[in-house]
Protein backbone atom coordinates (compact mmCIF):
# COMPACT_ATOMS: atom_id res chain seq x y z
CA MET A 1 52.03 -25.21 -38.39
CA LYS A 2 48.60 -26.83 -38.50
CA MET A 3 48.29 -26.66 -34.67
CA LYS A 4 48.85 -22.90 -34.61
CA LYS A 5 46.24 -22.39 -37.28
CA ARG A 6 43.66 -24.42 -35.34
CA ILE A 7 44.26 -22.49 -32.11
CA ARG A 8 43.83 -19.15 -33.82
CA ASN A 9 40.54 -20.16 -35.44
CA ARG A 10 38.85 -21.29 -32.23
CA LYS A 11 35.94 -19.06 -31.21
CA GLY A 12 33.68 -18.99 -28.14
CA PHE A 13 34.04 -18.95 -24.37
CA THR A 14 35.86 -21.36 -22.14
CA LEU A 15 34.08 -23.22 -19.36
CA ILE A 16 35.86 -21.14 -16.72
CA GLU A 17 34.63 -17.90 -18.28
CA ILE A 18 31.04 -19.14 -18.34
CA VAL A 19 31.23 -20.33 -14.72
CA ALA A 20 32.70 -16.97 -13.65
CA VAL A 21 29.81 -15.10 -15.29
CA LEU A 22 27.24 -17.40 -13.65
CA VAL A 23 28.80 -16.86 -10.23
CA ILE A 24 28.68 -13.08 -10.69
CA LEU A 25 25.02 -13.26 -11.77
CA ALA A 26 24.16 -15.43 -8.75
CA ILE A 27 25.76 -12.92 -6.38
CA MET A 28 23.86 -10.07 -8.01
CA ALA A 29 20.58 -12.00 -7.71
CA ALA A 30 21.25 -12.81 -4.05
CA VAL A 31 21.59 -9.10 -3.32
CA ALA A 32 18.70 -7.89 -5.51
CA VAL A 33 15.90 -10.30 -4.49
CA PRO A 34 15.70 -9.33 -0.78
CA LYS A 35 15.78 -5.65 -1.73
CA TYR A 36 12.93 -6.20 -4.19
CA LEU A 37 10.83 -7.98 -1.56
CA SER A 38 11.51 -5.16 0.91
CA LEU A 39 10.34 -2.63 -1.67
CA GLN A 40 7.11 -4.59 -2.20
CA GLN A 41 6.34 -4.51 1.53
CA GLN A 42 7.14 -0.81 1.75
CA ALA A 43 4.85 -0.11 -1.21
CA ALA A 44 2.01 -2.07 0.44
CA ASN A 45 2.46 -0.08 3.66
CA ASN A 46 2.46 3.24 1.80
CA ALA A 47 -0.61 2.27 -0.23
CA ALA A 48 -2.51 1.35 2.95
CA SER A 49 -1.52 4.66 4.56
CA GLY A 50 -2.73 6.48 1.46
CA ALA A 51 -6.05 4.62 1.53
CA LEU A 52 -6.53 5.53 5.20
CA ALA A 53 -5.79 9.18 4.42
CA ALA A 54 -8.30 9.10 1.56
CA ALA A 55 -10.94 7.61 3.87
CA ALA A 56 -10.23 10.26 6.53
CA SER A 57 -10.56 12.98 3.92
CA ASN A 58 -13.83 11.46 2.76
CA VAL A 59 -15.21 11.44 6.31
CA SER A 60 -14.23 15.09 6.78
CA GLN A 61 -15.81 16.01 3.46
CA VAL A 62 -19.09 14.25 4.29
CA TYR A 63 -19.15 16.00 7.68
CA ALA A 64 -18.48 19.40 6.07
CA ASN A 65 -21.21 18.84 3.47
CA MET A 66 -23.66 17.97 6.23
CA LEU A 67 -22.75 21.19 8.05
CA LEU A 68 -23.07 23.28 4.87
CA ASN A 69 -26.43 21.74 3.99
CA GLY A 70 -27.80 22.79 7.38
CA THR A 71 -28.15 19.35 8.91
CA ASN A 72 -29.49 19.84 12.44
CA SER A 73 -27.24 18.93 15.34
CA THR A 74 -29.23 15.84 16.32
CA ALA A 75 -28.68 14.27 12.87
CA LEU A 76 -25.06 15.38 12.77
CA THR A 77 -23.69 12.28 14.45
CA ALA A 78 -20.74 10.05 13.77
CA ALA A 79 -23.15 7.28 12.75
CA ASN A 80 -24.70 9.46 10.03
CA VAL A 81 -21.29 10.57 8.81
CA ALA A 82 -20.05 6.98 8.74
CA ALA A 83 -23.18 5.82 6.91
CA ASN A 84 -22.65 8.40 4.15
CA ALA A 85 -18.89 7.89 3.70
CA ASN A 86 -17.52 6.11 0.66
CA THR A 87 -16.38 2.54 1.37
CA ASN A 88 -14.67 1.94 -1.99
CA LEU A 89 -11.11 3.28 -1.89
CA GLY A 90 -9.76 1.93 -5.17
CA ASP A 91 -7.93 -1.29 -4.34
CA TYR A 92 -9.02 -1.10 -0.70
CA THR A 93 -12.35 -1.33 1.08
CA ALA A 94 -13.00 0.57 4.30
CA SER A 95 -15.50 0.17 7.09
CA TYR A 96 -16.56 3.02 9.35
CA ALA A 97 -17.64 2.90 12.98
CA ALA A 98 -19.08 5.76 15.02
CA ASN A 99 -17.35 6.66 18.29
CA SER A 100 -19.32 9.52 19.79
CA SER A 101 -18.78 10.80 23.28
CA ALA A 102 -19.77 13.99 25.05
CA GLY A 103 -19.06 16.90 22.75
CA THR A 104 -17.09 14.96 20.17
CA CYS A 105 -17.99 13.15 17.01
CA ALA A 106 -15.43 10.52 16.00
CA VAL A 107 -15.32 7.97 13.22
CA THR A 108 -12.98 4.98 13.24
CA ILE A 109 -11.87 3.79 9.82
CA THR A 110 -10.64 0.23 9.26
CA LEU A 111 -9.32 -1.16 6.00
CA THR A 112 -11.14 -4.44 5.50
CA ALA A 113 -10.08 -5.66 2.05
CA PHE A 114 -6.68 -5.52 0.43
CA PRO A 115 -5.53 -6.00 -3.17
CA THR A 116 -4.90 -9.62 -4.12
CA GLY A 117 -1.39 -10.65 -5.07
CA THR A 118 0.32 -8.04 -2.91
CA PRO A 119 1.79 -8.30 0.58
CA THR A 120 -0.55 -7.48 3.45
CA PRO A 121 0.43 -4.13 5.00
CA SER A 122 2.43 -4.47 8.18
CA THR A 123 1.47 -0.97 9.33
CA ASN A 124 -1.64 0.09 11.21
CA THR A 125 -4.78 -0.29 9.10
CA THR A 126 -7.08 1.60 11.49
CA LYS A 127 -7.44 5.35 11.94
CA THR A 128 -9.78 7.49 14.06
CA VAL A 129 -10.97 10.86 12.79
CA VAL A 130 -12.29 13.29 15.39
CA LEU A 131 -14.77 15.80 13.99
CA GLN A 132 -15.35 19.04 15.89
CA GLN A 133 -18.94 20.03 16.58
């Protein structure tokens, strides 16, 4: 009679139950960690693409402002546009280089500084914007 009473009053988990739960958690972690790392890389790539788009928009805006302000055609060069473009793009820093040829005004944008603590983008970090004269 005493044995039955002791068995009924036992509370808690058995070792097998705890091991089974740990195995399930380990399997879930093995699946989740690579997916998380993949999402980090994808986010870094998308952020770099967004920064390049912002820089391209900035170059186009500077060029349009120069046209609207009546800047003469000799001063309306890729070098002047690049010199007046914003280099601070939030977490990123951009550099601009003029690529002018006959009849075209082009600015090449390169992301030069990336946020610390995040993966380096694996996508292209350079973009060329061609401005029509």
